[in-house]
Protein backbone atom coordinates (compact mmCIF):
# COMPACT_ATOMS: atom_id res chain seq x y z
CA UNK A 1 0.63 25.70 -12.33
CA UNK A 2 0.31 26.73 -8.70
CA UNK A 3 3.39 26.64 -6.51
CA UNK A 4 3.39 25.92 -2.80
CA UNK A 5 3.73 29.18 -0.93
CA UNK A 6 7.38 30.09 -0.59
CA UNK A 7 8.59 27.04 -2.53
CA UNK A 8 10.44 27.26 -5.80
CA UNK A 9 10.15 24.16 -7.96
CA UNK A 10 13.27 22.06 -8.28
CA UNK A 11 14.44 21.59 -11.81
CA UNK A 12 17.31 19.84 -13.38
CA UNK A 13 18.56 19.38 -16.88
CA UNK A 14 18.53 15.91 -18.34
CA UNK A 15 20.50 14.89 -21.39
CA UNK A 16 18.21 12.89 -23.64
CA UNK A 17 18.88 11.92 -27.25
CA UNK A 18 21.40 14.71 -27.72
CA UNK A 19 19.09 17.41 -26.39
CA UNK A 20 18.56 18.85 -22.96
CA UNK A 21 15.16 18.65 -21.31
CA UNK A 22 14.22 20.53 -18.18
CA UNK A 23 12.43 18.31 -15.69
CA UNK A 24 10.54 20.11 -12.92
CA UNK A 25 9.78 18.62 -9.51
CA UNK A 26 8.26 20.38 -6.50
CA UNK A 27 6.89 19.46 -3.07
CA UNK A 28 3.32 18.18 -2.90
CA UNK A 29 1.79 19.90 0.12
CA UNK A 30 -1.58 21.19 -1.07
CA UNK A 31 -4.48 19.88 -3.10
CA UNK A 32 -3.31 22.10 -5.98
CA UNK A 33 0.19 20.58 -5.75
CA UNK A 34 -1.38 17.12 -5.72
CA UNK A 35 -3.46 17.90 -8.83
CA UNK A 36 -0.31 19.22 -10.52
CA UNK A 37 1.62 16.03 -9.68
CA UNK A 38 -1.21 13.83 -10.99
CA UNK A 39 -1.30 15.79 -14.25
CA UNK A 40 2.49 15.55 -14.52
CA UNK A 41 2.62 11.78 -13.95
CA UNK A 42 -0.33 10.88 -16.18
CA UNK A 43 1.58 10.92 -19.50
CA UNK A 44 4.05 8.38 -18.12
CA UNK A 45 1.25 5.81 -17.90
CA UNK A 46 0.66 6.15 -21.65
CA UNK A 47 4.37 6.12 -22.54
CA UNK A 48 6.29 4.28 -19.84
CA UNK A 49 9.77 5.81 -19.56
CA UNK A 50 12.77 3.61 -20.19
CA UNK A 51 14.49 2.43 -16.99
CA UNK A 52 17.56 4.46 -16.10
CA UNK A 53 16.45 7.61 -17.92
CA UNK A 54 15.80 11.01 -16.38
CA UNK A 55 12.11 10.59 -17.20
CA UNK A 56 12.03 7.26 -15.30
CA UNK A 57 13.68 8.96 -12.33
CA UNK A 58 11.14 11.79 -12.51
CA UNK A 59 8.31 9.27 -12.66
CA UNK A 60 9.65 7.56 -9.51
CA UNK A 61 9.95 10.87 -7.65
CA UNK A 62 6.46 12.00 -8.67
CA UNK A 63 5.01 8.62 -7.66
CA UNK A 64 6.69 8.87 -4.25
CA UNK A 65 5.42 12.43 -3.73
CA UNK A 66 1.88 11.43 -4.68
CA UNK A 67 2.00 8.34 -2.47
CA UNK A 68 3.23 10.39 0.48
CA UNK A 69 0.49 12.99 0.05
CA UNK A 70 -2.21 10.32 -0.24
CA UNK A 71 -0.92 8.42 2.80
CA UNK A 72 -1.00 11.62 4.87
CA UNK A 73 -4.38 12.92 3.70
CA UNK A 74 -6.31 9.71 2.97
CA UNK A 75 -4.81 6.93 5.07
CA UNK A 76 -6.19 3.44 4.60
CA UNK A 77 -6.43 1.45 7.78
CA UNK A 78 -5.21 -2.12 7.52
CA UNK A 79 -7.90 -4.80 7.75
CA UNK A 80 -8.72 -6.48 11.02
CA UNK A 81 -7.30 -10.00 11.49
CA UNK A 82 -10.46 -11.88 10.46
CA UNK A 83 -10.85 -9.80 7.29
CA UNK A 84 -7.16 -10.38 6.47
CA UNK A 85 -7.53 -14.15 6.94
CA UNK A 86 -10.68 -14.17 4.82
CA UNK A 87 -8.95 -12.16 2.09
CA UNK A 88 -5.96 -14.55 2.08
CA UNK A 89 -8.32 -17.53 1.92
CA UNK A 90 -10.18 -16.05 -1.08
CA UNK A 91 -6.98 -14.98 -2.82
CA UNK A 92 -5.18 -18.29 -2.34
CA UNK A 93 -8.12 -20.66 -2.65
CA UNK A 94 -7.87 -21.81 0.97
CA UNK A 95 -10.92 -23.20 2.75
CA UNK A 96 -11.90 -23.10 6.39
CA UNK A 97 -10.72 -26.73 6.51
CA UNK A 98 -7.25 -25.49 5.46
CA UNK A 99 -7.38 -22.93 8.26
CA UNK A 100 -8.41 -25.64 10.72
CA UNK A 101 -5.50 -27.81 9.61
CA UNK A 102 -3.10 -24.91 10.09
CA UNK A 103 -4.28 -23.88 13.56
CA UNK A 104 -5.10 -27.40 14.72
CA UNK A 105 -8.85 -27.40 15.28
CA UNK A 106 -11.95 -27.15 13.14
CA UNK A 107 -13.97 -25.64 15.99
CA UNK A 108 -11.25 -23.01 16.67
CA UNK A 109 -11.19 -22.04 12.99
CA UNK A 110 -14.97 -21.64 13.06
CA UNK A 111 -14.86 -19.57 16.25
CA UNK A 112 -12.13 -17.30 14.89
CA UNK A 113 -13.85 -16.72 11.57
CA UNK A 114 -17.16 -16.17 13.38
CA UNK A 115 -15.45 -13.59 15.62
CA UNK A 116 -16.32 -15.58 18.71
CA UNK A 117 -12.72 -16.14 19.77
CA UNK A 118 -9.59 -14.01 19.22
CA UNK A 119 -6.42 -15.36 17.67
CA UNK A 120 -3.72 -16.59 20.02
CA UNK A 121 -0.13 -15.54 19.50
CA UNK A 122 0.71 -19.05 18.25
CA UNK A 123 -2.14 -18.95 15.72
CA UNK A 124 -1.10 -15.49 14.53
CA UNK A 125 2.49 -16.69 14.11
CA UNK A 126 1.36 -19.72 12.07
CA UNK A 127 -0.81 -17.55 9.83
CA UNK A 128 2.04 -15.10 9.34
CA UNK A 129 4.64 -17.79 8.73
CA UNK A 130 2.63 -20.15 6.50
CA UNK A 131 0.13 -17.86 4.78
CA UNK A 132 2.29 -14.71 4.67
CA UNK A 133 -0.29 -12.49 6.36
CA UNK A 134 1.54 -9.49 7.87
CA UNK A 135 2.04 -9.98 11.61
CA UNK A 136 1.08 -6.36 12.34
CA UNK A 137 -2.35 -7.06 10.84
CA UNK A 138 -2.86 -10.29 12.78
CA UNK A 139 -1.89 -8.67 16.08
CA UNK A 140 -4.30 -5.74 15.80
CA UNK A 141 -7.11 -5.63 18.34
CA UNK A 142 -10.53 -6.46 16.92
CA UNK A 143 -14.05 -7.04 18.13
CA UNK A 144 -15.10 -10.53 19.11
CA UNK A 145 -18.30 -11.75 20.74
CA UNK A 146 -16.40 -12.29 23.98
CA UNK A 147 -16.81 -9.73 26.73
């Protein structure tokens, strides 16, 4: 196990079934640390720890460390508004006619989905409010055929 330079792993003793177990946690700053954390968390997927135990707490901490490292090193950009609408339609079984009903016009729905016209604030609000698409996704700039 490789430690981050200058970092000592954190460890604590957990009382489990009348025995003490040492649980080690350390920062995940390097690829080696990340590989260590993945190897440490893997057994928990085979044997899910019981809620409220030291092992469950350790699982949660390892998952948070891994998530933080991945978000920093391999960020995933949110989809553009049209892709988000399309995904919601596929996921929820909505049709373009449902979109037209929501935003008030069949031609507007077609223009939006064809990337010929951007969403208005009112349309974005309706999509957020009624279809639960995150507002920050709907308000992102995206390419349309308009100059």
